[in-house]
Amino acid sequence: QVQLVESGGELVQAGGSLRLSCAASGRTFSSYAMGWFRQAPGKEREFVAAVSRSGSNTDYTDSVKGRFTISRDNAKNTVYLQMNSLKPEDTAVYYCAAGGRYGRVDLVRTRLYEYDYWGQGTQVTVSS
């Protein structure tokens, strides 16, 4: 069982930056691939970024490539999402997720069904 708690979401102007954090409970954090997803009002939850168990591989949805960076610190049981050059269309609730326990250490997971544990979400609002 893994519990995930996101933080760092807030109201920011377009062009600004935020760093989201997701703290995981337990001693098995490094066993899981991690991902960030987001859900805007009236829309389905969508993939944003993912990082492999080792942290060596990452993947991003096209709309955030070059602006967002996912990273993890296995010693601190935390995954981060650095978001730069924010746009109004980035406004959403952002969720972190853990999945693929004991899978390949270099594998990134981009699909919702590959994740077993989810945080409660943190609101990011980008004003124009």
Protein backbone atom coordinates (compact mmCIF):
# COMPACT_ATOMS: atom_id res chain seq x y z
CA GLN A 1 0.00 0.00 0.00
CA VAL A 2 1.29 3.45 -0.96
CA GLN A 3 -0.18 6.76 0.09
CA LEU A 4 0.56 9.78 -2.08
CA VAL A 5 0.19 13.43 -1.08
CA GLU A 6 0.59 16.20 -3.65
CA SER A 7 1.46 19.81 -2.89
CA GLY A 8 2.55 22.96 -4.64
CA GLY A 9 -0.48 23.85 -6.72
CA GLU A 10 -1.64 27.45 -6.70
CA LEU A 11 -2.79 30.37 -8.84
CA VAL A 12 -0.07 31.68 -11.15
CA GLN A 13 0.06 34.06 -14.11
CA ALA A 14 0.70 32.83 -17.61
CA GLY A 15 4.42 32.48 -18.24
CA GLY A 16 5.11 31.70 -14.61
CA SER A 17 6.51 28.58 -12.97
CA LEU A 18 5.45 26.11 -10.31
CA ARG A 19 6.98 23.00 -8.79
CA LEU A 20 4.64 20.26 -7.69
CA SER A 21 5.75 17.68 -5.16
CA CYS A 22 4.32 14.27 -4.36
CA ALA A 23 5.39 12.60 -1.13
CA ALA A 24 4.93 8.85 -0.81
CA SER A 25 4.56 6.83 2.35
CA GLY A 26 6.26 3.52 3.01
CA ARG A 27 9.63 2.03 2.18
CA THR A 28 8.84 0.75 -1.29
CA PHE A 29 8.83 4.02 -3.25
CA SER A 30 11.72 2.98 -5.48
CA SER A 31 9.76 -0.13 -6.48
CA TYR A 32 7.22 1.96 -8.38
CA ALA A 33 7.19 3.87 -11.62
CA MET A 34 5.67 7.30 -11.03
CA GLY A 35 3.55 9.58 -13.12
CA TRP A 36 1.71 12.88 -13.17
CA PHE A 37 -1.75 13.23 -14.68
CA ARG A 38 -4.17 16.15 -14.84
CA GLN A 39 -7.89 16.69 -15.17
CA ALA A 40 -9.50 19.91 -16.30
CA PRO A 41 -13.19 20.67 -15.64
CA GLY A 42 -15.40 18.67 -17.96
CA LYS A 43 -12.50 16.70 -19.38
CA GLU A 44 -11.06 13.25 -18.84
CA ARG A 45 -7.93 12.69 -16.80
CA GLU A 46 -4.89 12.79 -19.05
CA PHE A 47 -1.26 11.79 -18.92
CA VAL A 48 1.28 14.57 -18.33
CA ALA A 49 4.65 13.02 -17.42
CA ALA A 50 6.20 9.81 -16.16
CA VAL A 51 9.50 8.66 -14.71
CA SER A 52 10.91 5.17 -14.42
CA ARG A 53 11.74 3.46 -11.15
CA SER A 54 15.40 4.37 -11.46
CA GLY A 55 14.73 7.91 -12.64
CA SER A 56 16.79 7.30 -15.76
CA ASN A 57 13.91 7.51 -18.24
CA THR A 58 11.12 10.03 -18.59
CA ASP A 59 8.25 10.71 -20.97
CA TYR A 60 5.90 13.63 -21.55
CA THR A 61 2.74 14.43 -23.38
CA ASP A 62 3.49 16.58 -26.41
CA SER A 63 1.84 19.71 -25.07
CA VAL A 64 4.27 20.00 -22.14
CA LYS A 65 7.52 18.88 -23.76
CA GLY A 66 10.22 21.48 -23.26
CA ARG A 67 8.25 23.19 -20.48
CA PHE A 68 7.75 20.52 -17.79
CA THR A 69 10.33 18.30 -16.12
CA ILE A 70 9.59 15.26 -13.98
CA SER A 71 12.13 13.96 -11.50
CA ARG A 72 12.26 11.75 -8.45
CA ASP A 73 14.34 11.46 -5.30
CA ASN A 74 14.12 7.88 -4.07
CA ALA A 75 15.95 8.78 -0.85
CA LYS A 76 13.18 11.27 -0.02
CA ASN A 77 10.28 9.20 -1.40
CA THR A 78 9.27 12.17 -3.51
CA VAL A 79 8.49 12.86 -7.15
CA TYR A 80 8.47 16.38 -8.59
CA LEU A 81 6.99 18.16 -11.56
CA GLN A 82 8.73 21.39 -12.49
CA MET A 83 6.39 23.44 -14.68
CA ASN A 84 7.73 26.43 -16.58
CA SER A 85 6.18 28.79 -19.14
CA LEU A 86 2.74 27.93 -17.85
CA LYS A 87 -0.27 28.52 -20.07
CA PRO A 88 -3.97 28.94 -19.21
CA GLU A 89 -4.62 25.55 -20.82
CA ASP A 90 -2.44 23.95 -18.13
CA THR A 91 -5.14 24.76 -15.59
CA ALA A 92 -6.30 21.51 -13.99
CA VAL A 93 -6.15 19.34 -10.92
CA TYR A 94 -2.82 17.53 -11.01
CA TYR A 95 -2.53 14.00 -9.65
CA CYS A 96 0.51 11.89 -8.98
CA ALA A 97 0.32 8.13 -9.31
CA ALA A 98 2.40 5.04 -8.54
CA GLY A 99 2.32 1.79 -10.46
CA GLY A 100 4.19 -1.09 -12.00
CA ARG A 101 5.61 -2.37 -8.76
CA TYR A 102 8.82 -4.31 -9.31
CA GLY A 103 8.63 -3.81 -13.06
CA ARG A 104 11.67 -3.05 -15.16
CA VAL A 105 13.68 -0.23 -13.58
CA ASP A 106 13.95 1.68 -16.87
CA LEU A 107 10.31 1.45 -17.93
CA VAL A 108 8.06 4.51 -18.02
CA ARG A 109 4.28 4.09 -17.87
CA THR A 110 1.95 6.52 -19.61
CA ARG A 111 -1.51 4.92 -19.30
CA LEU A 112 -3.97 5.41 -16.45
CA TYR A 113 -4.62 1.69 -16.06
CA GLU A 114 -0.93 1.05 -15.38
CA TYR A 115 -1.16 2.95 -12.10
CA ASP A 116 -2.44 1.43 -8.87
CA TYR A 117 -2.23 4.30 -6.37
CA TRP A 118 -3.32 7.92 -6.72
CA GLY A 119 -3.03 11.06 -4.66
CA GLN A 120 -5.89 13.42 -3.88
CA GLY A 121 -4.74 16.04 -6.38
CA THR A 122 -3.54 19.63 -6.22
CA GLN A 123 -5.15 22.53 -8.11
CA VAL A 124 -3.09 24.49 -10.61
CA THR A 125 -4.72 27.61 -12.03
CA VAL A 126 -2.99 29.70 -14.69
CA SER A 127 -4.47 33.12 -15.35
CA SER A 128 -4.10 34.89 -18.67
